[in-house]
Amino acid sequence: MRPKIHPEYREVLFHDTSVDEFFIIGSTLKTSETKKWKDGNTYPYYVVETSSASHPFYTGKQQVAKAEGRVANFNRRFGHLSKK
């Protein structure tokens, strides 16, 4: 690889503020903030609003909402038949 053209790859501490979860992930993200972590090391720090810990697709909440919608749709269409 050619020198001085690639961004610095390092471990970065990401903070998902919606569920108050922290992740240490390798990244080339540039940030000026740092934060001391549980292991005693100081990492570059970056705040995110959504991650795999809070996004409905990864937590399974999205599928529950779809299932509830299907049941409600079924009851709306055919519920009157079962009340006889």
PDB file of N, CA and C in Angstrom:
ATOM      1  N   MET A   1       0.841  -1.187   0.000  1.00  0.00           N
ATOM      2  CA  MET A   1       0.000   0.000   0.000  1.00  0.00           C
ATOM      3  C   MET A   1       0.879   1.240   0.000  1.00  0.00           C
ATOM      4  N   ARG A   2       0.358   2.260  -0.626  1.00  0.00           N
ATOM      5  CA  ARG A   2       1.100   3.517  -0.666  1.00  0.00           C
ATOM      6  C   ARG A   2       0.980   4.230   0.676  1.00  0.00           C
ATOM      7  N   PRO A   3       2.058   4.797   1.153  1.00  0.00           N
ATOM      8  CA  PRO A   3       2.006   5.487   2.446  1.00  0.00           C
ATOM      9  C   PRO A   3       1.286   6.836   2.358  1.00  0.00           C
ATOM     10  N   LYS A   4       0.698   7.251   3.478  1.00  0.00           N
ATOM     11  CA  LYS A   4       0.096   8.572   3.681  1.00  0.00           C
ATOM     12  C   LYS A   4      -1.151   8.851   2.846  1.00  0.00           C
ATOM     13  N   ILE A   5      -1.817   7.828   2.308  1.00  0.00           N
ATOM     14  CA  ILE A   5      -3.063   8.087   1.577  1.00  0.00           C
ATOM     15  C   ILE A   5      -4.270   7.446   2.252  1.00  0.00           C
ATOM     16  N   HIS A   6      -4.051   6.547   3.192  1.00  0.00           N
ATOM     17  CA  HIS A   6      -5.149   5.846   3.849  1.00  0.00           C
ATOM     18  C   HIS A   6      -5.496   6.513   5.178  1.00  0.00           C
ATOM     19  N   PRO A   7      -6.795   6.567   5.517  1.00  0.00           N
ATOM     20  CA  PRO A   7      -7.168   7.143   6.816  1.00  0.00           C
ATOM     21  C   PRO A   7      -6.720   6.229   7.950  1.00  0.00           C
ATOM     22  N   GLU A   8      -6.562   6.813   9.117  1.00  0.00           N
ATOM     23  CA  GLU A   8      -6.128   6.044  10.296  1.00  0.00           C
ATOM     24  C   GLU A   8      -7.265   5.129  10.749  1.00  0.00           C
ATOM     25  N   TYR A   9      -6.974   3.852  10.873  1.00  0.00           N
ATOM     26  CA  TYR A   9      -7.950   2.863  11.355  1.00  0.00           C
ATOM     27  C   TYR A   9      -7.669   2.624  12.823  1.00  0.00           C
ATOM     28  N   ARG A  10      -8.690   2.797  13.663  1.00  0.00           N
ATOM     29  CA  ARG A  10      -8.516   2.662  15.114  1.00  0.00           C
ATOM     30  C   ARG A  10      -9.829   2.229  15.737  1.00  0.00           C
ATOM     31  N   GLU A  11      -9.783   1.868  16.995  1.00  0.00           N
ATOM     32  CA  GLU A  11     -10.995   1.511  17.728  1.00  0.00           C
ATOM     33  C   GLU A  11     -11.674   2.797  18.201  1.00  0.00           C
ATOM     34  N   VAL A  12     -12.997   2.856  17.987  1.00  0.00           N
ATOM     35  CA  VAL A  12     -13.787   4.035  18.354  1.00  0.00           C
ATOM     36  C   VAL A  12     -14.920   3.580  19.263  1.00  0.00           C
ATOM     37  N   LEU A  13     -15.197   4.362  20.295  1.00  0.00           N
ATOM     38  CA  LEU A  13     -16.294   4.091  21.221  1.00  0.00           C
ATOM     39  C   LEU A  13     -17.546   4.798  20.703  1.00  0.00           C
ATOM     40  N   PHE A  14     -18.553   4.007  20.305  1.00  0.00           N
ATOM     41  CA  PHE A  14     -19.824   4.546  19.837  1.00  0.00           C
ATOM     42  C   PHE A  14     -20.835   4.455  20.976  1.00  0.00           C
ATOM     43  N   HIS A  15     -21.657   5.501  21.115  1.00  0.00           N
ATOM     44  CA  HIS A  15     -22.665   5.554  22.175  1.00  0.00           C
ATOM     45  C   HIS A  15     -24.034   5.724  21.528  1.00  0.00           C
ATOM     46  N   ASP A  16     -24.889   4.718  21.652  1.00  0.00           N
ATOM     47  CA  ASP A  16     -26.262   4.799  21.169  1.00  0.00           C
ATOM     48  C   ASP A  16     -27.079   5.437  22.284  1.00  0.00           C
ATOM     49  N   THR A  17     -27.440   6.698  22.096  1.00  0.00           N
ATOM     50  CA  THR A  17     -28.103   7.458  23.159  1.00  0.00           C
ATOM     51  C   THR A  17     -29.545   7.038  23.386  1.00  0.00           C
ATOM     52  N   SER A  18     -30.193   6.404  22.405  1.00  0.00           N
ATOM     53  CA  SER A  18     -31.596   6.043  22.580  1.00  0.00           C
ATOM     54  C   SER A  18     -31.787   4.892  23.570  1.00  0.00           C
ATOM     55  N   VAL A  19     -30.780   4.006  23.701  1.00  0.00           N
ATOM     56  CA  VAL A  19     -30.874   2.905  24.662  1.00  0.00           C
ATOM     57  C   VAL A  19     -29.689   2.889  25.629  1.00  0.00           C
ATOM     58  N   ASP A  20     -28.849   3.899  25.566  1.00  0.00           N
ATOM     59  CA  ASP A  20     -27.684   4.050  26.436  1.00  0.00           C
ATOM     60  C   ASP A  20     -26.753   2.828  26.384  1.00  0.00           C
ATOM     61  N   GLU A  21     -26.423   2.394  25.169  1.00  0.00           N
ATOM     62  CA  GLU A  21     -25.496   1.282  24.935  1.00  0.00           C
ATOM     63  C   GLU A  21     -24.199   1.822  24.343  1.00  0.00           C
ATOM     64  N   PHE A  22     -23.092   1.165  24.672  1.00  0.00           N
ATOM     65  CA  PHE A  22     -21.792   1.540  24.140  1.00  0.00           C
ATOM     66  C   PHE A  22     -21.215   0.385  23.333  1.00  0.00           C
ATOM     67  N   PHE A  23     -20.503   0.707  22.255  1.00  0.00           N
ATOM     68  CA  PHE A  23     -19.857  -0.288  21.404  1.00  0.00           C
ATOM     69  C   PHE A  23     -18.459   0.192  21.071  1.00  0.00           C
ATOM     70  N   ILE A  24     -17.497  -0.697  21.093  1.00  0.00           N
ATOM     71  CA  ILE A  24     -16.160  -0.380  20.606  1.00  0.00           C
ATOM     72  C   ILE A  24     -15.997  -1.119  19.285  1.00  0.00           C
ATOM     73  N   ILE A  25     -15.812  -0.335  18.227  1.00  0.00           N
ATOM     74  CA  ILE A  25     -15.747  -0.882  16.875  1.00  0.00           C
ATOM     75  C   ILE A  25     -14.574  -0.234  16.146  1.00  0.00           C
ATOM     76  N   GLY A  26     -13.883  -1.001  15.339  1.00  0.00           N
ATOM     77  CA  GLY A  26     -12.827  -0.458  14.508  1.00  0.00           C
ATOM     78  C   GLY A  26     -13.408   0.444  13.442  1.00  0.00           C
ATOM     79  N   SER A  27     -12.829   1.635  13.271  1.00  0.00           N
ATOM     80  CA  SER A  27     -13.387   2.602  12.337  1.00  0.00           C
ATOM     81  C   SER A  27     -12.318   3.601  11.897  1.00  0.00           C
ATOM     82  N   THR A  28     -12.583   4.267  10.780  1.00  0.00           N
ATOM     83  CA  THR A  28     -11.724   5.356  10.314  1.00  0.00           C
ATOM     84  C   THR A  28     -12.380   6.699  10.586  1.00  0.00           C
ATOM     85  N   LEU A  29     -13.458   6.704  11.352  1.00  0.00           N
ATOM     86  CA  LEU A  29     -14.190   7.922  11.682  1.00  0.00           C
ATOM     87  C   LEU A  29     -13.278   8.913  12.394  1.00  0.00           C
ATOM     88  N   LYS A  30     -13.356  10.171  11.992  1.00  0.00           N
ATOM     89  CA  LYS A  30     -12.570  11.211  12.650  1.00  0.00           C
ATOM     90  C   LYS A  30     -13.452  11.946  13.645  1.00  0.00           C
ATOM     91  N   THR A  31     -13.007  12.011  14.877  1.00  0.00           N
ATOM     92  CA  THR A  31     -13.729  12.718  15.922  1.00  0.00           C
ATOM     93  C   THR A  31     -12.720  13.340  16.875  1.00  0.00           C
ATOM     94  N   SER A  32     -13.092  14.474  17.433  1.00  0.00           N
ATOM     95  CA  SER A  32     -12.179  15.162  18.355  1.00  0.00           C
ATOM     96  C   SER A  32     -12.460  14.806  19.813  1.00  0.00           C
ATOM     97  N   GLU A  33     -13.614  14.189  20.088  1.00  0.00           N
ATOM     98  CA  GLU A  33     -13.966  13.824  21.459  1.00  0.00           C
ATOM     99  C   GLU A  33     -13.348  12.487  21.839  1.00  0.00           C
ATOM    100  N   THR A  34     -12.998  12.361  23.118  1.00  0.00           N
ATOM    101  CA  THR A  34     -12.489  11.089  23.646  1.00  0.00           C
ATOM    102  C   THR A  34     -13.220  10.777  24.945  1.00  0.00           C
ATOM    103  N   LYS A  35     -13.222   9.506  25.300  1.00  0.00           N
ATOM    104  CA  LYS A  35     -13.882   9.088  26.540  1.00  0.00           C
ATOM    105  C   LYS A  35     -13.133   7.885  27.098  1.00  0.00           C
ATOM    106  N   LYS A  36     -13.002   7.854  28.413  1.00  0.00           N
ATOM    107  CA  LYS A  36     -12.355   6.728  29.079  1.00  0.00           C
ATOM    108  C   LYS A  36     -13.364   5.606  29.224  1.00  0.00           C
ATOM    109  N   TRP A  37     -12.987   4.384  28.885  1.00  0.00           N
ATOM    110  CA  TRP A  37     -13.863   3.228  28.897  1.00  0.00           C
ATOM    111  C   TRP A  37     -13.582   2.364  30.114  1.00  0.00           C
ATOM    112  N   LYS A  38     -14.417   1.353  30.359  1.00  0.00           N
ATOM    113  CA  LYS A  38     -14.308   0.471  31.526  1.00  0.00           C
ATOM    114  C   LYS A  38     -12.955  -0.210  31.636  1.00  0.00           C
ATOM    115  N   ASP A  39     -12.337  -0.501  30.496  1.00  0.00           N
ATOM    116  CA  ASP A  39     -11.062  -1.208  30.515  1.00  0.00           C
ATOM    117  C   ASP A  39      -9.880  -0.304  30.862  1.00  0.00           C
ATOM    118  N   GLY A  40     -10.143   0.975  31.116  1.00  0.00           N
ATOM    119  CA  GLY A  40      -9.095   1.908  31.503  1.00  0.00           C
ATOM    120  C   GLY A  40      -8.465   2.649  30.340  1.00  0.00           C
ATOM    121  N   ASN A  41      -8.771   2.255  29.118  1.00  0.00           N
ATOM    122  CA  ASN A  41      -8.229   2.928  27.940  1.00  0.00           C
ATOM    123  C   ASN A  41      -9.115   4.090  27.528  1.00  0.00           C
ATOM    124  N   THR A  42      -8.523   5.063  26.867  1.00  0.00           N
ATOM    125  CA  THR A  42      -9.249   6.199  26.337  1.00  0.00           C
ATOM    126  C   THR A  42      -9.420   6.001  24.840  1.00  0.00           C
ATOM    127  N   TYR A  43     -10.667   6.136  24.360  1.00  0.00           N
ATOM    128  CA  TYR A  43     -10.989   5.905  22.959  1.00  0.00           C
ATOM    129  C   TYR A  43     -11.595   7.164  22.350  1.00  0.00           C
ATOM    130  N   PRO A  44     -11.461   7.336  21.045  1.00  0.00           N
ATOM    131  CA  PRO A  44     -12.247   8.376  20.375  1.00  0.00           C
ATOM    132  C   PRO A  44     -13.725   8.062  20.588  1.00  0.00           C
ATOM    133  N   TYR A  45     -14.542   9.079  20.785  1.00  0.00           N
ATOM    134  CA  TYR A  45     -15.936   8.912  21.191  1.00  0.00           C
ATOM    135  C   TYR A  45     -16.863   9.529  20.152  1.00  0.00           C
ATOM    136  N   TYR A  46     -17.919   8.791  19.783  1.00  0.00           N
ATOM    137  CA  TYR A  46     -18.878   9.292  18.804  1.00  0.00           C
ATOM    138  C   TYR A  46     -20.285   8.887  19.234  1.00  0.00           C
ATOM    139  N   VAL A  47     -21.240   9.816  19.162  1.00  0.00           N
ATOM    140  CA  VAL A  47     -22.621   9.581  19.570  1.00  0.00           C
ATOM    141  C   VAL A  47     -23.467   9.261  18.332  1.00  0.00           C
ATOM    142  N   VAL A  48     -24.267   8.198  18.430  1.00  0.00           N
ATOM    143  CA  VAL A  48     -25.218   7.840  17.373  1.00  0.00           C
ATOM    144  C   VAL A  48     -26.613   7.751  17.980  1.00  0.00           C
ATOM    145  N   GLU A  49     -27.629   7.997  17.156  1.00  0.00           N
ATOM    146  CA  GLU A  49     -29.006   7.936  17.644  1.00  0.00           C
ATOM    147  C   GLU A  49     -29.610   6.548  17.488  1.00  0.00           C
ATOM    148  N   THR A  50     -29.135   5.778  16.518  1.00  0.00           N
ATOM    149  CA  THR A  50     -29.686   4.455  16.252  1.00  0.00           C
ATOM    150  C   THR A  50     -28.562   3.483  15.949  1.00  0.00           C
ATOM    151  N   SER A  51     -28.648   2.305  16.547  1.00  0.00           N
ATOM    152  CA  SER A  51     -27.670   1.250  16.273  1.00  0.00           C
ATOM    153  C   SER A  51     -28.418  -0.076  16.243  1.00  0.00           C
ATOM    154  N   SER A  52     -27.690  -1.165  16.166  1.00  0.00           N
ATOM    155  CA  SER A  52     -28.338  -2.476  16.172  1.00  0.00           C
ATOM    156  C   SER A  52     -29.045  -2.757  17.500  1.00  0.00           C
ATOM    157  N   ALA A  53     -28.670  -2.042  18.553  1.00  0.00           N
ATOM    158  CA  ALA A  53     -29.314  -2.244  19.858  1.00  0.00           C
ATOM    159  C   ALA A  53     -30.675  -1.570  19.950  1.00  0.00           C
ATOM    160  N   SER A  54     -30.928  -0.569  19.087  1.00  0.00           N
ATOM    161  CA  SER A  54     -32.184   0.160  19.203  1.00  0.00           C
ATOM    162  C   SER A  54     -33.030   0.148  17.939  1.00  0.00           C
ATOM    163  N   HIS A  55     -32.491  -0.259  16.813  1.00  0.00           N
ATOM    164  CA  HIS A  55     -33.257  -0.241  15.567  1.00  0.00           C
ATOM    165  C   HIS A  55     -34.276  -1.384  15.553  1.00  0.00           C
ATOM    166  N   PRO A  56     -35.528  -1.115  15.188  1.00  0.00           N
ATOM    167  CA  PRO A  56     -36.566  -2.152  15.222  1.00  0.00           C
ATOM    168  C   PRO A  56     -36.258  -3.378  14.358  1.00  0.00           C
ATOM    169  N   PHE A  57     -35.556  -3.205  13.274  1.00  0.00           N
ATOM    170  CA  PHE A  57     -35.234  -4.341  12.416  1.00  0.00           C
ATOM    171  C   PHE A  57     -34.367  -5.354  13.147  1.00  0.00           C
ATOM    172  N   TYR A  58     -33.399  -4.870  13.932  1.00  0.00           N
ATOM    173  CA  TYR A  58     -32.475  -5.759  14.628  1.00  0.00           C
ATOM    174  C   TYR A  58     -33.018  -6.259  15.957  1.00  0.00           C
ATOM    175  N   THR A  59     -33.903  -5.507  16.587  1.00  0.00           N
ATOM    176  CA  THR A  59     -34.433  -5.914  17.886  1.00  0.00           C
ATOM    177  C   THR A  59     -35.637  -6.830  17.767  1.00  0.00           C
ATOM    178  N   GLY A  60     -36.232  -6.940  16.579  1.00  0.00           N
ATOM    179  CA  GLY A  60     -37.384  -7.792  16.362  1.00  0.00           C
ATOM    180  C   GLY A  60     -38.707  -7.101  16.600  1.00  0.00           C
ATOM    181  N   LYS A  61     -38.702  -5.864  17.039  1.00  0.00           N
ATOM    182  CA  LYS A  61     -39.947  -5.144  17.293  1.00  0.00           C
ATOM    183  C   LYS A  61     -40.698  -4.864  16.004  1.00  0.00           C
ATOM    184  N   GLN A  62     -39.973  -4.732  14.905  1.00  0.00           N
ATOM    185  CA  GLN A  62     -40.603  -4.465  13.628  1.00  0.00           C
ATOM    186  C   GLN A  62     -41.478  -5.640  13.205  1.00  0.00           C
ATOM    187  N   GLN A  63     -41.020  -6.859  13.403  1.00  0.00           N
ATOM    188  CA  GLN A  63     -41.784  -8.035  13.022  1.00  0.00           C
ATOM    189  C   GLN A  63     -43.021  -8.187  13.896  1.00  0.00           C
ATOM    190  N   VAL A  64     -42.943  -7.832  15.161  1.00  0.00           N
ATOM    191  CA  VAL A  64     -44.097  -7.900  16.054  1.00  0.00           C
ATOM    192  C   VAL A  64     -45.162  -6.920  15.573  1.00  0.00           C
ATOM    193  N   ALA A  65     -44.750  -5.736  15.178  1.00  0.00           N
ATOM    194  CA  ALA A  65     -45.702  -4.743  14.688  1.00  0.00           C
ATOM    195  C   ALA A  65     -46.381  -5.243  13.416  1.00  0.00           C
ATOM    196  N   LYS A  66     -45.625  -5.892  12.547  1.00  0.00           N
ATOM    197  CA  LYS A  66     -46.209  -6.435  11.329  1.00  0.00           C
ATOM    198  C   LYS A  66     -47.235  -7.512  11.668  1.00  0.00           C
ATOM    199  N   ALA A  67     -46.908  -8.392  12.614  1.00  0.00           N
ATOM    200  CA  ALA A  67     -47.822  -9.469  12.993  1.00  0.00           C
ATOM    201  C   ALA A  67     -49.105  -8.894  13.592  1.00  0.00           C
ATOM    202  N   GLU A  68     -48.969  -7.879  14.431  1.00  0.00           N
ATOM    203  CA  GLU A  68     -50.146  -7.250  15.013  1.00  0.00           C
ATOM    204  C   GLU A  68     -50.996  -6.610  13.924  1.00  0.00           C
ATOM    205  N   GLY A  69     -50.378  -6.034  12.945  1.00  0.00           N
ATOM    206  CA  GLY A  69     -51.100  -5.430  11.837  1.00  0.00           C
ATOM    207  C   GLY A  69     -51.838  -6.466  11.021  1.00  0.00           C
ATOM    208  N   ARG A  70     -51.244  -7.621  10.828  1.00  0.00           N
ATOM    209  CA  ARG A  70     -51.893  -8.696  10.071  1.00  0.00           C
ATOM    210  C   ARG A  70     -53.116  -9.233  10.808  1.00  0.00           C
ATOM    211  N   VAL A  71     -52.995  -9.417  12.111  1.00  0.00           N
ATOM    212  CA  VAL A  71     -54.129  -9.902  12.906  1.00  0.00           C
ATOM    213  C   VAL A  71     -55.263  -8.882  12.883  1.00  0.00           C
ATOM    214  N   ALA A  72     -54.933  -7.623  13.054  1.00  0.00           N
ATOM    215  CA  ALA A  72     -55.961  -6.583  13.029  1.00  0.00           C
ATOM    216  C   ALA A  72     -56.627  -6.518  11.660  1.00  0.00           C
ATOM    217  N   ASN A  73     -55.824  -6.661  10.616  1.00  0.00           N
ATOM    218  CA  ASN A  73     -56.379  -6.651   9.261  1.00  0.00           C
ATOM    219  C   ASN A  73     -57.313  -7.847   9.051  1.00  0.00           C
ATOM    220  N   PHE A  74     -56.907  -9.008   9.523  1.00  0.00           N
ATOM    221  CA  PHE A  74     -57.748 -10.195   9.408  1.00  0.00           C
ATOM    222  C   PHE A  74     -59.063  -9.997  10.157  1.00  0.00           C
ATOM    223  N   ASN A  75     -58.987  -9.513  11.390  1.00  0.00           N
ATOM    224  CA  ASN A  75     -60.198  -9.289  12.186  1.00  0.00           C
ATOM    225  C   ASN A  75     -61.100  -8.239  11.552  1.00  0.00           C
ATOM    226  N   ARG A  76     -60.514  -7.253  10.943  1.00  0.00           N
ATOM    227  CA  ARG A  76     -61.300  -6.218  10.286  1.00  0.00           C
ATOM    228  C   ARG A  76     -62.059  -6.806   9.096  1.00  0.00           C
ATOM    229  N   ARG A  77     -61.396  -7.693   8.346  1.00  0.00           N
ATOM    230  CA  ARG A  77     -62.010  -8.264   7.150  1.00  0.00           C
ATOM    231  C   ARG A  77     -62.962  -9.422   7.464  1.00  0.00           C
ATOM    232  N   PHE A  78     -62.589 -10.291   8.413  1.00  0.00           N
ATOM    233  CA  PHE A  78     -63.353 -11.515   8.624  1.00  0.00           C
ATOM    234  C   PHE A  78     -63.898 -11.672  10.042  1.00  0.00           C
ATOM    235  N   GLY A  79     -63.683 -10.707  10.894  1.00  0.00           N
ATOM    236  CA  GLY A  79     -64.113 -10.812  12.277  1.00  0.00           C
ATOM    237  C   GLY A  79     -65.623 -10.882  12.420  1.00  0.00           C
ATOM    238  N   HIS A  80     -66.326 -10.242  11.541  1.00  0.00           N
ATOM    239  CA  HIS A  80     -67.800 -10.241  11.615  1.00  0.00           C
ATOM    240  C   HIS A  80     -68.374 -11.629  11.344  1.00  0.00           C
ATOM    241  N   LEU A  81     -67.638 -12.495  10.653  1.00  0.00           N
ATOM    242  CA  LEU A  81     -68.098 -13.842  10.366  1.00  0.00           C
ATOM    243  C   LEU A  81     -68.073 -14.734  11.604  1.00  0.00           C
ATOM    244  N   SER A  82     -67.127 -14.494  12.490  1.00  0.00           N
ATOM    245  CA  SER A  82     -66.986 -15.334  13.677  1.00  0.00           C
ATOM    246  C   SER A  82     -67.923 -14.927  14.810  1.00  0.00           C
ATOM    247  N   LYS A  83     -68.611 -13.803  14.682  1.00  0.00           N
ATOM    248  CA  LYS A  83     -69.497 -13.314  15.743  1.00  0.00           C
ATOM    249  C   LYS A  83     -70.905 -13.890  15.644  1.00  0.00           C
ATOM    250  N   LYS A  84     -71.186 -14.666  14.644  1.00  0.00           N
ATOM    251  CA  LYS A  84     -72.531 -15.261  14.488  1.00  0.00           C
ATOM    252  C   LYS A  84     -72.807 -16.359  15.445  1.00  0.00           C
TER     253      LYS A  84
END
